[in-house]
N, C-alpha and C. Protein backbone atom coordinates (compact mmCIF):
# COMPACT_ATOMS: atom_id res chain seq x y z
N MET A 1 0.95 -1.14 0.25
CA MET A 1 0.25 -0.13 -0.21
C MET A 1 1.00 1.22 -0.07
N LYS A 2 0.20 2.20 -0.48
CA LYS A 2 1.01 3.48 -0.84
C LYS A 2 0.77 4.47 0.29
N THR A 3 1.67 5.21 0.81
CA THR A 3 1.79 6.13 2.11
C THR A 3 0.81 7.46 1.24
N VAL A 4 0.63 8.08 2.50
CA VAL A 4 -0.30 9.55 1.92
C VAL A 4 0.88 10.03 1.55
N GLY A 5 2.34 10.40 1.84
CA GLY A 5 3.11 11.21 0.99
C GLY A 5 3.28 10.60 -0.61
N GLN A 6 3.49 9.50 -0.94
CA GLN A 6 3.40 9.07 -2.13
C GLN A 6 2.37 8.89 -2.91
N LEU A 7 1.11 8.96 -2.61
CA LEU A 7 -0.17 9.53 -2.56
C LEU A 7 0.15 10.65 -3.36
N PHE A 8 0.54 11.64 -2.76
CA PHE A 8 0.45 13.00 -2.80
C PHE A 8 1.42 13.01 -4.18
N GLU A 9 2.26 12.65 -3.73
CA GLU A 9 3.68 12.88 -5.08
C GLU A 9 3.01 12.33 -6.69
N ASP A 10 2.18 11.41 -6.26
CA ASP A 10 1.80 10.81 -7.44
C ASP A 10 0.37 11.53 -7.91
N LEU A 11 0.04 12.03 -7.26
CA LEU A 11 -1.35 13.11 -7.50
C LEU A 11 -0.62 14.32 -8.52
N ALA A 12 0.64 14.79 -7.18
CA ALA A 12 1.24 15.79 -8.09
C ALA A 12 1.89 15.53 -9.49
N THR A 13 2.26 14.54 -9.82
CA THR A 13 3.15 14.29 -10.75
C THR A 13 2.16 13.93 -12.11
N ARG A 14 0.67 13.19 -11.21
CA ARG A 14 -0.15 13.15 -12.72
C ARG A 14 -0.58 14.60 -12.83
N ARG A 15 -0.99 15.48 -11.94
CA ARG A 15 -1.35 16.84 -12.29
C ARG A 15 -0.11 17.51 -12.89
N GLN A 16 0.79 17.43 -13.08
CA GLN A 16 2.02 17.69 -14.15
C GLN A 16 2.05 17.52 -15.30
N LEU A 17 2.05 16.31 -15.43
CA LEU A 17 1.80 15.72 -16.56
C LEU A 17 0.69 16.01 -17.47
N LEU A 18 -0.90 16.17 -16.50
CA LEU A 18 -1.99 16.68 -17.15
C LEU A 18 -1.56 18.21 -17.42
N LYS A 19 -0.72 18.99 -16.61
CA LYS A 19 -0.80 20.08 -17.41
C LYS A 19 0.09 20.19 -18.49
N GLN A 20 1.42 19.31 -18.07
CA GLN A 20 1.69 19.55 -19.48
C GLN A 20 1.37 18.77 -20.97
N ARG A 21 0.45 17.74 -20.58
CA ARG A 21 -0.75 17.34 -21.89
C ARG A 21 -1.29 18.11 -22.16
N GLN A 22 -1.76 19.09 -21.15
CA GLN A 22 -2.93 20.00 -21.49
C GLN A 22 -2.14 21.40 -22.82
N ARG A 23 -1.17 21.50 -21.76
CA ARG A 23 0.02 22.76 -22.74
C ARG A 23 0.51 22.26 -24.05
N ASP A 24 0.90 20.83 -24.27
CA ASP A 24 0.91 20.07 -25.60
C ASP A 24 -0.30 20.14 -26.49
N GLN A 25 -1.25 19.56 -25.81
CA GLN A 25 -2.62 19.92 -26.60
C GLN A 25 -3.20 21.41 -27.46
N ALA A 26 -2.94 22.33 -26.17
CA ALA A 26 -2.76 23.74 -26.62
C ALA A 26 -2.11 24.18 -27.58
N SER A 27 -0.80 23.85 -27.42
CA SER A 27 0.07 24.03 -28.64
C SER A 27 -0.16 23.74 -30.05
N ALA A 28 -0.20 22.17 -30.10
CA ALA A 28 -1.01 21.10 -30.88
C ALA A 28 -1.81 22.16 -31.51
N TYR A 29 -2.85 22.29 -31.07
CA TYR A 29 -3.90 23.14 -31.42
C TYR A 29 -3.92 24.55 -32.16
N LYS A 30 -2.53 25.08 -31.41
CA LYS A 30 -2.18 26.52 -32.19
C LYS A 30 -1.82 26.31 -33.47
N GLU A 31 -0.72 25.15 -33.39
CA GLU A 31 0.34 24.88 -34.30
C GLU A 31 -0.78 24.63 -35.66
N LYS A 32 -1.79 23.48 -35.49
CA LYS A 32 -2.59 22.91 -36.01
C LYS A 32 -3.57 24.57 -36.97
N SER A 33 -4.15 25.42 -35.62
CA SER A 33 -4.59 26.29 -36.50
C SER A 33 -4.21 27.37 -37.47
N ALA A 34 -2.81 27.85 -37.01
CA ALA A 34 -2.09 28.31 -37.78
C ALA A 34 -1.54 27.92 -39.10
N GLY A 35 -0.97 26.65 -39.07
CA GLY A 35 -1.44 25.68 -40.18
C GLY A 35 -2.85 25.86 -40.87
N ILE A 36 -4.14 25.86 -40.25
CA ILE A 36 -5.45 25.65 -41.04
C ILE A 36 -4.91 27.38 -41.71
N SER A 37 -4.47 28.48 -40.98
CA SER A 37 -4.84 29.34 -41.07
C SER A 37 -3.91 29.83 -42.47
N VAL A 38 -2.73 29.10 -42.55
CA VAL A 38 -1.77 29.58 -43.41
C VAL A 38 -2.29 29.08 -44.50
N SER A 39 -2.81 27.98 -44.61
CA SER A 39 -3.33 26.99 -46.00
C SER A 39 -4.07 28.01 -46.37
N THR A 40 -5.01 28.41 -45.56
CA THR A 40 -6.27 28.96 -46.29
C THR A 40 -5.51 30.32 -46.94
N GLN A 41 -5.06 31.14 -46.17
CA GLN A 41 -4.61 31.90 -46.99
C GLN A 41 -4.17 31.81 -48.20
N THR A 42 -2.71 30.66 -47.91
CA THR A 42 -2.62 30.28 -49.31
C THR A 42 -3.72 30.00 -50.27
N ARG A 43 -4.34 29.32 -49.92
CA ARG A 43 -5.42 28.81 -51.33
C ARG A 43 -6.39 29.83 -51.33
N ASP A 44 -6.29 30.92 -50.49
CA ASP A 44 -7.08 32.01 -50.98
C ASP A 44 -6.36 32.87 -52.23
N GLN A 45 -4.79 33.05 -51.65
CA GLN A 45 -4.04 33.66 -52.40
C GLN A 45 -4.64 32.88 -53.59
N LYS A 46 -3.93 31.75 -53.86
CA LYS A 46 -4.01 31.09 -55.28
C LYS A 46 -5.41 31.25 -55.70
N ILE A 47 -6.19 30.88 -54.72
CA ILE A 47 -7.92 31.54 -55.63
C ILE A 47 -7.96 32.81 -56.16
N ARG A 48 -7.55 33.70 -55.54
CA ARG A 48 -7.47 35.01 -56.28
C ARG A 48 -6.55 35.21 -56.93
N ALA A 49 -5.63 34.41 -57.40
CA ALA A 49 -4.51 34.72 -58.18
C ALA A 49 -5.09 33.85 -59.46
N GLY A 50 -5.89 32.94 -59.52
CA GLY A 50 -6.47 32.30 -60.42
C GLY A 50 -7.66 33.33 -61.06
N ALA A 51 -8.48 33.67 -59.89
CA ALA A 51 -9.68 34.43 -60.43
C ALA A 51 -9.27 35.71 -61.29
N ALA A 52 -8.11 36.25 -60.64
CA ALA A 52 -7.24 37.27 -61.39
C ALA A 52 -6.74 37.01 -63.10
N GLU A 53 -6.02 35.72 -62.88
CA GLU A 53 -5.72 35.41 -64.27
C GLU A 53 -7.64 35.23 -64.93
N LYS A 54 -8.14 34.27 -64.71
CA LYS A 54 -9.17 34.31 -65.33
C LYS A 54 -9.80 35.70 -66.06
N ALA A 55 -9.90 36.30 -64.90
CA ALA A 55 -10.54 37.88 -65.71
C ALA A 55 -9.87 38.52 -66.54
N LEU A 56 -8.36 38.11 -66.59
CA LEU A 56 -7.35 38.73 -67.29
C LEU A 56 -7.86 38.06 -68.39
N LYS A 57 -7.95 36.64 -68.84
CA LYS A 57 -7.92 35.83 -69.90
C LYS A 57 -9.24 36.15 -70.55
N ASN A 58 -10.09 36.68 -69.61
CA ASN A 58 -11.88 36.92 -70.33
C ASN A 58 -11.93 38.36 -71.05
N ARG A 59 -10.72 39.36 -70.45
CA ARG A 59 -10.67 40.66 -70.66
C ARG A 59 -10.35 40.26 -71.87
N GLU A 60 -9.09 39.87 -72.13
CA GLU A 60 -8.35 39.75 -73.20
C GLU A 60 -9.52 38.87 -74.74
N ARG A 61 -9.90 38.01 -74.10
CA ARG A 61 -10.65 37.33 -75.26
C ARG A 61 -11.53 38.13 -75.39
N ASN A 62 -12.64 38.88 -74.30
CA ASN A 62 -13.85 39.91 -74.72
C ASN A 62 -12.93 41.16 -75.73
N GLN A 63 -11.79 41.66 -75.98
CA GLN A 63 -11.24 42.61 -76.32
C GLN A 63 -11.10 42.15 -77.87
N ALA A 64 -10.25 40.60 -77.99
CA ALA A 64 -10.10 40.07 -79.15
C ALA A 64 -11.59 39.88 -80.02
N VAL A 65 -12.53 39.16 -79.39
CA VAL A 65 -14.13 39.18 -80.14
C VAL A 65 -14.58 40.83 -80.36
N ALA A 66 -14.25 41.61 -79.57
CA ALA A 66 -14.91 43.21 -79.91
C ALA A 66 -13.93 43.42 -81.09
N GLN A 67 -12.28 43.29 -80.99
CA GLN A 67 -11.85 43.85 -82.42
C GLN A 67 -11.98 43.05 -83.31
N GLN A 68 -12.49 41.74 -83.23
CA GLN A 68 -13.09 41.02 -84.60
C GLN A 68 -14.48 41.78 -84.76
N ARG A 69 -15.55 41.67 -83.84
CA ARG A 69 -16.62 42.16 -84.47
C ARG A 69 -16.28 43.33 -85.28
N ASP A 70 -15.31 44.36 -85.18
CA ASP A 70 -15.15 45.70 -85.60
C ASP A 70 -14.48 45.82 -86.84
N ALA A 71 -13.60 44.32 -87.10
CA ALA A 71 -13.04 44.35 -88.57
C ALA A 71 -14.17 44.00 -89.09
N GLU A 72 -14.85 43.19 -88.90
CA GLU A 72 -16.17 42.24 -89.55
C GLU A 72 -16.80 43.29 -90.19
N ARG A 73 -17.28 44.51 -88.84
CA ARG A 73 -18.03 45.53 -89.47
C ARG A 73 -17.48 46.34 -90.36
N GLN A 74 -15.99 46.55 -90.45
CA GLN A 74 -15.11 47.06 -91.21
C GLN A 74 -15.70 46.78 -92.44
N GLU A 75 -15.38 45.55 -92.58
CA GLU A 75 -15.47 45.05 -93.99
C GLU A 75 -16.77 44.62 -94.66
N ARG A 76 -17.95 44.79 -94.02
CA ARG A 76 -19.13 44.95 -94.37
C ARG A 76 -19.84 46.23 -94.98
N LEU A 77 -19.10 47.31 -94.26
CA LEU A 77 -19.63 48.78 -94.12
C LEU A 77 -18.44 49.06 -95.78
N ALA A 78 -17.25 48.82 -96.03
CA ALA A 78 -16.27 48.58 -96.82
C ALA A 78 -17.30 47.53 -98.29
N ALA A 79 -17.64 46.58 -98.00
CA ALA A 79 -18.15 46.11 -99.05
C ALA A 79 -19.43 46.52 -99.33
N ARG A 80 -20.32 47.01 -98.22
CA ARG A 80 -21.18 48.05 -98.72
C ARG A 80 -20.96 49.16 -99.89
N ASP A 81 -20.22 49.73 -98.94
CA ASP A 81 -19.57 51.34 -100.07
C ASP A 81 -19.29 51.11 -101.30
N LYS A 82 -18.28 49.81 -101.51
CA LYS A 82 -17.93 49.61 -102.68
C LYS A 82 -18.89 48.93 -103.43
N ALA A 83 -20.01 48.64 -102.87
CA ALA A 83 -21.47 47.94 -103.41
C ALA A 83 -22.30 49.42 -104.32
N GLU A 84 -22.01 50.56 -103.27
CA GLU A 84 -22.79 51.53 -103.43
C GLU A 84 -21.91 52.19 -104.60
N ALA A 85 -20.66 52.41 -104.76
CA ALA A 85 -19.98 52.79 -105.75
C ALA A 85 -20.10 52.31 -106.83
N ASP A 86 -20.01 50.93 -107.03
CA ASP A 86 -20.81 50.28 -108.26
C ASP A 86 -21.79 50.66 -108.53
N ARG A 87 -22.70 51.01 -107.97
CA ARG A 87 -24.06 50.68 -108.48
C ARG A 87 -24.03 51.67 -109.18
N GLU A 88 -23.42 53.39 -108.47
CA GLU A 88 -23.90 54.70 -108.72
C GLU A 88 -22.85 54.50 -110.04
N GLU A 89 -21.65 53.77 -110.24
CA GLU A 89 -20.93 53.72 -111.42
C GLU A 89 -21.62 53.46 -112.55
N LYS A 90 -22.60 52.26 -112.41
CA LYS A 90 -23.32 51.68 -113.47
C LYS A 90 -24.60 52.72 -113.45
N GLU A 91 -25.10 53.19 -112.89
CA GLU A 91 -26.44 54.36 -112.85
C GLU A 91 -25.55 55.51 -113.70
N ALA A 92 -24.61 56.26 -113.27
CA ALA A 92 -23.69 56.99 -114.60
C ALA A 92 -24.36 56.26 -115.81
N MET A 93 -23.51 55.48 -116.01
CA MET A 93 -23.22 54.63 -117.00
C MET A 93 -24.27 54.39 -118.04
N LYS A 94 -25.51 53.97 -116.94
CA LYS A 94 -26.67 53.90 -117.97
C LYS A 94 -27.29 54.98 -117.97
N ASP A 95 -27.19 56.59 -117.46
CA ASP A 95 -27.33 57.91 -117.89
C ASP A 95 -26.81 58.16 -118.91
N GLU A 96 -25.50 57.59 -119.24
CA GLU A 96 -25.06 58.53 -120.53
C GLU A 96 -25.18 57.63 -121.54
N ILE A 97 -25.67 56.35 -121.19
CA ILE A 97 -26.15 55.83 -122.54
C ILE A 97 -27.58 56.10 -123.10
N ARG A 98 -28.45 56.64 -122.21
CA ARG A 98 -29.83 56.97 -122.17
C ARG A 98 -29.40 58.71 -122.87
N GLN A 99 -28.46 59.45 -122.24
CA GLN A 99 -28.43 60.33 -123.20
C GLN A 99 -27.87 60.02 -124.62
N GLU A 100 -26.83 59.61 -124.76
CA GLU A 100 -26.72 59.48 -126.13
C GLU A 100 -27.72 58.80 -127.26
N LEU A 101 -28.18 57.50 -126.32
CA LEU A 101 -29.70 57.47 -127.28
C LEU A 101 -30.60 58.40 -127.74
N GLN A 102 -30.64 59.33 -126.64
CA GLN A 102 -31.58 60.50 -126.54
C GLN A 102 -31.44 61.90 -127.54
N SER A 103 -29.74 61.63 -127.50
CA SER A 103 -29.10 62.57 -128.49
C SER A 103 -29.33 61.86 -130.14
N ASP A 104 -28.91 60.34 -129.98
CA ASP A 104 -29.38 59.56 -131.37
C ASP A 104 -30.68 60.16 -131.69
N ARG A 105 -31.65 59.89 -131.30
CA ARG A 105 -32.48 59.79 -131.09
C ARG A 105 -33.40 61.78 -131.63
N GLN A 106 -32.44 62.44 -131.32
CA GLN A 106 -33.09 63.47 -131.39
C GLN A 106 -32.05 64.23 -132.94
N GLU A 107 -31.18 63.68 -133.04
CA GLU A 107 -30.31 63.80 -134.51
C GLU A 107 -31.39 63.34 -135.66
N ARG A 108 -31.60 62.04 -135.39
CA ARG A 108 -32.54 60.92 -136.54
C ARG A 108 -33.51 61.77 -136.91
N LYS A 109 -34.38 62.31 -135.82
CA LYS A 109 -35.31 63.08 -135.58
C LYS A 109 -35.24 64.63 -136.53
N VAL A 110 -33.98 64.94 -136.67
CA VAL A 110 -33.66 66.48 -137.21
C VAL A 110 -33.62 65.89 -138.59
N SER A 111 -32.87 65.19 -138.65
CA SER A 111 -32.32 64.06 -140.32
C SER A 111 -33.52 64.05 -140.79
N ILE A 112 -34.47 63.28 -140.15
CA ILE A 112 -35.89 63.39 -140.96
C ILE A 112 -36.84 64.56 -141.09
N ASP A 113 -36.61 65.74 -140.05
CA ASP A 113 -37.45 66.56 -140.62
C ASP A 113 -36.58 67.30 -141.46
N LYS A 114 -35.28 67.23 -141.63
CA LYS A 114 -34.79 67.80 -143.24
C LYS A 114 -35.33 67.36 -144.38
N LYS A 115 -35.04 65.72 -144.42
CA LYS A 115 -35.32 65.35 -145.40
C LYS A 115 -36.86 65.45 -145.59
N ARG A 116 -37.68 65.57 -144.74
CA ARG A 116 -39.32 65.97 -144.94
C ARG A 116 -39.68 67.23 -145.61
N MET A 117 -38.55 68.26 -144.92
CA MET A 117 -38.74 69.71 -145.57
C MET A 117 -38.25 70.02 -146.82
N SER A 118 -36.90 68.87 -146.97
CA SER A 118 -36.47 69.00 -148.63
C SER A 118 -37.32 68.34 -149.69
N LYS A 119 -38.25 67.79 -149.09
CA LYS A 119 -38.75 67.37 -149.96
C LYS A 119 -39.93 67.70 -150.33
N GLU A 120 -40.85 68.58 -148.83
CA GLU A 120 -42.14 69.10 -149.24
C GLU A 120 -41.32 70.63 -150.02
N ARG A 121 -40.53 70.83 -149.78
CA ARG A 121 -39.59 72.22 -150.72
C ARG A 121 -39.83 71.91 -152.18
N VAL A 122 -38.73 70.72 -152.61
CA VAL A 122 -39.05 70.11 -153.70
C VAL A 122 -39.94 69.99 -154.38
N GLN A 123 -41.38 70.11 -153.51
CA GLN A 123 -42.88 69.39 -154.35
C GLN A 123 -43.22 70.58 -154.60
N SER A 124 -43.13 71.46 -153.36
CA SER A 124 -43.28 72.76 -153.35
C SER A 124 -42.84 73.46 -154.74
N GLU A 125 -41.54 73.56 -154.78
CA GLU A 125 -41.34 74.38 -156.61
C GLU A 125 -41.80 73.80 -157.14
N ARG A 126 -42.03 72.37 -157.30
CA ARG A 126 -42.39 71.71 -158.72
C ARG A 126 -43.67 71.94 -158.82
N ARG A 127 -44.66 71.97 -157.71
CA ARG A 127 -46.22 72.79 -158.07
C ARG A 127 -46.02 74.07 -158.41
N GLU A 128 -44.72 75.39 -157.75
CA GLU A 128 -45.16 76.31 -158.61
C GLU A 128 -44.72 76.78 -159.96
N LYS A 129 -43.87 75.94 -160.36
CA LYS A 129 -43.31 75.48 -161.72
C LYS A 129 -44.53 75.12 -162.64
N VAL A 130 -45.04 74.41 -161.89
CA VAL A 130 -46.49 73.53 -162.60
C VAL A 130 -47.36 74.91 -162.76
N GLN A 131 -47.94 75.69 -162.07
CA GLN A 131 -48.57 77.07 -161.72
C GLN A 131 -48.13 77.62 -162.47
N LYS A 132 -46.76 77.99 -162.61
CA LYS A 132 -46.12 79.04 -163.55
C LYS A 132 -46.40 78.61 -164.62
N VAL A 133 -46.14 77.37 -164.80
CA VAL A 133 -46.35 76.93 -166.43
C VAL A 133 -48.00 77.24 -167.00
N MET A 134 -48.49 76.14 -166.02
CA MET A 134 -50.22 76.38 -166.30
C MET A 134 -50.60 77.85 -166.82
N LYS A 135 -50.20 78.90 -166.04
CA LYS A 135 -50.42 80.22 -166.08
C LYS A 135 -50.03 81.27 -167.34
N THR A 136 -49.11 80.67 -168.20
CA THR A 136 -48.14 80.84 -168.83
C THR A 136 -49.04 80.62 -170.21
N SER A 137 -49.44 79.22 -169.64
CA SER A 137 -49.99 78.88 -171.29
C SER A 137 -51.53 79.35 -171.54
């Protein structure tokens, strides 16, 4: 059997061991908490870096898409302008052809009128000659 002194020594030793175990547990908990917070911070930094990189890529992709859209728009505008210029050129050619046809018609009409007038004048002169001949006879 243990003596009272041994019992108190055992109790004191157990108390010291218990306090030491509690201190070890507390320090282990602190280390674990610090490790968790460090890993959390690291993970957060990685997530933020990934998000920033993703945002940058998205921004670059959006800019590329916008530039492509602008280029396509410029091409469409250029094609439309070219088509408009071609149409105007064709219209001008048609107008020129119409004017030439009109002037040809006008010239033909003038020529026909001259011939008609000439015929009428010749006939008129013949009538006058015939009338003169008939009056003198």
